[in-house]
Amino acid sequence: PDVMLLDAQLGGMSGLQVCEALKADSSLNDIAVVFVSGCTEPELESAALKIGAEDFIQKPFSPPQVVARVNNQLRLRRQTA
Protein backbone atom coordinates (compact mmCIF):
# COMPACT_ATOMS: atom_id res chain seq x y z
CA PRO A 1 0.00 0.00 0.00
CA ASP A 2 1.02 3.61 -0.51
CA VAL A 3 -0.93 4.96 2.48
CA MET A 4 -2.06 3.31 5.70
CA LEU A 5 -4.69 4.75 8.03
CA LEU A 6 -4.10 3.73 11.64
CA ASP A 7 -5.93 4.30 14.88
CA ALA A 8 -3.78 4.79 17.96
CA GLN A 9 -5.77 2.20 19.88
CA LEU A 10 -5.79 -1.24 18.29
CA GLY A 11 -6.30 -4.68 19.72
CA GLY A 12 -3.02 -6.36 20.66
CA MET A 13 -0.61 -3.66 19.44
CA SER A 14 -1.02 0.07 19.62
CA GLY A 15 -1.03 2.08 16.42
CA LEU A 16 2.22 3.65 17.57
CA GLN A 17 3.82 0.19 17.77
CA VAL A 18 2.53 -0.68 14.29
CA CYS A 19 3.90 2.58 12.89
CA GLU A 20 7.29 1.99 14.56
CA ALA A 21 7.43 -1.53 13.09
CA LEU A 22 6.58 -0.24 9.60
CA LYS A 23 9.18 2.50 9.76
CA ALA A 24 11.84 0.05 11.02
CA ASP A 25 11.29 -2.36 8.09
CA SER A 26 13.16 -1.24 4.99
CA SER A 27 10.62 -2.92 2.69
CA LEU A 28 7.69 -1.09 4.34
CA ASN A 29 9.08 2.21 5.62
CA ASP A 30 8.01 4.18 2.56
CA ILE A 31 4.30 3.60 3.32
CA ALA A 32 2.73 6.88 4.41
CA VAL A 33 1.09 6.46 7.81
CA VAL A 34 -1.87 8.68 8.68
CA PHE A 35 -3.30 8.35 12.18
CA VAL A 36 -7.04 8.75 12.69
CA SER A 37 -7.84 8.91 16.38
CA GLY A 38 -10.47 10.03 18.83
CA CYS A 39 -7.76 10.81 21.36
CA THR A 40 -7.48 14.56 21.88
CA GLU A 41 -4.22 14.55 23.85
CA PRO A 42 -1.60 16.58 21.95
CA GLU A 43 1.10 14.24 23.27
CA LEU A 44 -0.28 11.39 21.18
CA GLU A 45 -0.18 13.44 18.00
CA SER A 46 3.38 14.55 18.78
CA ALA A 47 4.44 10.96 19.49
CA ALA A 48 2.91 9.72 16.24
CA LEU A 49 4.66 12.38 14.17
CA LYS A 50 7.93 11.83 16.02
CA ILE A 51 8.02 8.13 15.14
CA GLY A 52 7.38 8.81 11.47
CA ALA A 53 3.65 9.26 10.84
CA GLU A 54 3.02 11.66 8.00
CA ASP A 55 -0.26 13.08 9.30
CA PHE A 56 -2.71 12.94 12.20
CA ILE A 57 -6.47 13.41 11.92
CA GLN A 58 -8.66 13.78 15.00
CA LYS A 59 -12.13 12.25 15.22
CA PRO A 60 -14.76 13.28 14.54
CA PHE A 61 -13.63 13.98 11.01
CA SER A 62 -15.34 14.75 7.76
CA PRO A 63 -14.88 12.24 4.93
CA PRO A 64 -13.75 15.00 2.51
CA GLN A 65 -11.00 15.93 5.00
CA VAL A 66 -9.70 12.35 5.08
CA VAL A 67 -9.87 12.03 1.29
CA ALA A 68 -7.95 15.31 0.86
CA ARG A 69 -5.23 14.29 3.30
CA VAL A 70 -4.84 10.84 1.75
CA ASN A 71 -4.69 12.41 -1.71
CA ASN A 72 -1.99 14.79 -0.43
CA GLN A 73 0.09 11.82 0.69
CA LEU A 74 -0.43 10.05 -2.64
CA ARG A 75 0.57 13.20 -4.52
CA LEU A 76 3.74 13.50 -2.43
CA ARG A 77 4.56 9.84 -3.15
CA ARG A 78 4.19 10.39 -6.90
CA GLN A 79 6.44 13.48 -6.77
CA THR A 80 9.24 11.66 -4.93
CA ALA A 81 9.04 8.39 -6.88
C-alpha atoms as a PDB file:
ATOM      1  CA  PRO A   1       0.000   0.000   0.000  1.00  0.00           C
ATOM      2  CA  ASP A   2       1.024   3.606  -0.508  1.00  0.00           C
ATOM      3  CA  VAL A   3      -0.927   4.956   2.485  1.00  0.00           C
ATOM      4  CA  MET A   4      -2.060   3.308   5.701  1.00  0.00           C
ATOM      5  CA  LEU A   5      -4.691   4.750   8.033  1.00  0.00           C
ATOM      6  CA  LEU A   6      -4.098   3.726  11.644  1.00  0.00           C
ATOM      7  CA  ASP A   7      -5.927   4.304  14.878  1.00  0.00           C
ATOM      8  CA  ALA A   8      -3.782   4.789  17.958  1.00  0.00           C
ATOM      9  CA  GLN A   9      -5.770   2.205  19.884  1.00  0.00           C
ATOM     10  CA  LEU A  10      -5.791  -1.238  18.294  1.00  0.00           C
ATOM     11  CA  GLY A  11      -6.303  -4.685  19.718  1.00  0.00           C
ATOM     12  CA  GLY A  12      -3.018  -6.359  20.660  1.00  0.00           C
ATOM     13  CA  MET A  13      -0.613  -3.664  19.445  1.00  0.00           C
ATOM     14  CA  SER A  14      -1.017   0.072  19.618  1.00  0.00           C
ATOM     15  CA  GLY A  15      -1.034   2.079  16.421  1.00  0.00           C
ATOM     16  CA  LEU A  16       2.218   3.648  17.575  1.00  0.00           C
ATOM     17  CA  GLN A  17       3.816   0.193  17.775  1.00  0.00           C
ATOM     18  CA  VAL A  18       2.534  -0.676  14.292  1.00  0.00           C
ATOM     19  CA  CYS A  19       3.905   2.585  12.894  1.00  0.00           C
ATOM     20  CA  GLU A  20       7.287   1.986  14.557  1.00  0.00           C
ATOM     21  CA  ALA A  21       7.430  -1.527  13.091  1.00  0.00           C
ATOM     22  CA  LEU A  22       6.584  -0.242   9.602  1.00  0.00           C
ATOM     23  CA  LYS A  23       9.179   2.504   9.757  1.00  0.00           C
ATOM     24  CA  ALA A  24      11.842   0.046  11.021  1.00  0.00           C
ATOM     25  CA  ASP A  25      11.287  -2.359   8.094  1.00  0.00           C
ATOM     26  CA  SER A  26      13.164  -1.238   4.986  1.00  0.00           C
ATOM     27  CA  SER A  27      10.625  -2.920   2.691  1.00  0.00           C
ATOM     28  CA  LEU A  28       7.695  -1.086   4.339  1.00  0.00           C
ATOM     29  CA  ASN A  29       9.085   2.205   5.621  1.00  0.00           C
ATOM     30  CA  ASP A  30       8.012   4.177   2.564  1.00  0.00           C
ATOM     31  CA  ILE A  31       4.303   3.595   3.323  1.00  0.00           C
ATOM     32  CA  ALA A  32       2.735   6.878   4.415  1.00  0.00           C
ATOM     33  CA  VAL A  33       1.086   6.464   7.808  1.00  0.00           C
ATOM     34  CA  VAL A  34      -1.866   8.676   8.682  1.00  0.00           C
ATOM     35  CA  PHE A  35      -3.299   8.354  12.178  1.00  0.00           C
ATOM     36  CA  VAL A  36      -7.037   8.753  12.687  1.00  0.00           C
ATOM     37  CA  SER A  37      -7.842   8.914  16.383  1.00  0.00           C
ATOM     38  CA  GLY A  38     -10.474  10.027  18.825  1.00  0.00           C
ATOM     39  CA  CYS A  39      -7.757  10.810  21.358  1.00  0.00           C
ATOM     40  CA  THR A  40      -7.480  14.564  21.881  1.00  0.00           C
ATOM     41  CA  GLU A  41      -4.220  14.547  23.847  1.00  0.00           C
ATOM     42  CA  PRO A  42      -1.605  16.578  21.955  1.00  0.00           C
ATOM     43  CA  GLU A  43       1.101  14.245  23.274  1.00  0.00           C
ATOM     44  CA  LEU A  44      -0.280  11.386  21.176  1.00  0.00           C
ATOM     45  CA  GLU A  45      -0.181  13.440  17.998  1.00  0.00           C
ATOM     46  CA  SER A  46       3.375  14.553  18.778  1.00  0.00           C
ATOM     47  CA  ALA A  47       4.440  10.964  19.492  1.00  0.00           C
ATOM     48  CA  ALA A  48       2.907   9.717  16.235  1.00  0.00           C
ATOM     49  CA  LEU A  49       4.655  12.383  14.173  1.00  0.00           C
ATOM     50  CA  LYS A  50       7.927  11.830  16.021  1.00  0.00           C
ATOM     51  CA  ILE A  51       8.024   8.126  15.136  1.00  0.00           C
ATOM     52  CA  GLY A  52       7.380   8.808  11.468  1.00  0.00           C
ATOM     53  CA  ALA A  53       3.654   9.262  10.841  1.00  0.00           C
ATOM     54  CA  GLU A  54       3.022  11.664   7.999  1.00  0.00           C
ATOM     55  CA  ASP A  55      -0.258  13.080   9.298  1.00  0.00           C
ATOM     56  CA  PHE A  56      -2.707  12.937  12.195  1.00  0.00           C
ATOM     57  CA  ILE A  57      -6.471  13.414  11.920  1.00  0.00           C
ATOM     58  CA  GLN A  58      -8.665  13.783  14.997  1.00  0.00           C
ATOM     59  CA  LYS A  59     -12.125  12.248  15.223  1.00  0.00           C
ATOM     60  CA  PRO A  60     -14.759  13.280  14.539  1.00  0.00           C
ATOM     61  CA  PHE A  61     -13.630  13.984  11.012  1.00  0.00           C
ATOM     62  CA  SER A  62     -15.336  14.750   7.762  1.00  0.00           C
ATOM     63  CA  PRO A  63     -14.883  12.236   4.931  1.00  0.00           C
ATOM     64  CA  PRO A  64     -13.754  14.995   2.513  1.00  0.00           C
ATOM     65  CA  GLN A  65     -11.004  15.927   4.998  1.00  0.00           C
ATOM     66  CA  VAL A  66      -9.702  12.350   5.076  1.00  0.00           C
ATOM     67  CA  VAL A  67      -9.872  12.034   1.285  1.00  0.00           C
ATOM     68  CA  ALA A  68      -7.955  15.311   0.861  1.00  0.00           C
ATOM     69  CA  ARG A  69      -5.230  14.288   3.297  1.00  0.00           C
ATOM     70  CA  VAL A  70      -4.845  10.837   1.752  1.00  0.00           C
ATOM     71  CA  ASN A  71      -4.689  12.410  -1.706  1.00  0.00           C
ATOM     72  CA  ASN A  72      -1.991  14.793  -0.433  1.00  0.00           C
ATOM     73  CA  GLN A  73       0.087  11.820   0.689  1.00  0.00           C
ATOM     74  CA  LEU A  74      -0.428  10.055  -2.644  1.00  0.00           C
ATOM     75  CA  ARG A  75       0.571  13.201  -4.521  1.00  0.00           C
ATOM     76  CA  LEU A  76       3.742  13.498  -2.430  1.00  0.00           C
ATOM     77  CA  ARG A  77       4.559   9.836  -3.147  1.00  0.00           C
ATOM     78  CA  ARG A  78       4.194  10.391  -6.897  1.00  0.00           C
ATOM     79  CA  GLN A  79       6.443  13.480  -6.772  1.00  0.00           C
ATOM     80  CA  THR A  80       9.237  11.664  -4.930  1.00  0.00           C
ATOM     81  CA  ALA A  81       9.037   8.394  -6.880  1.00  0.00           C
END
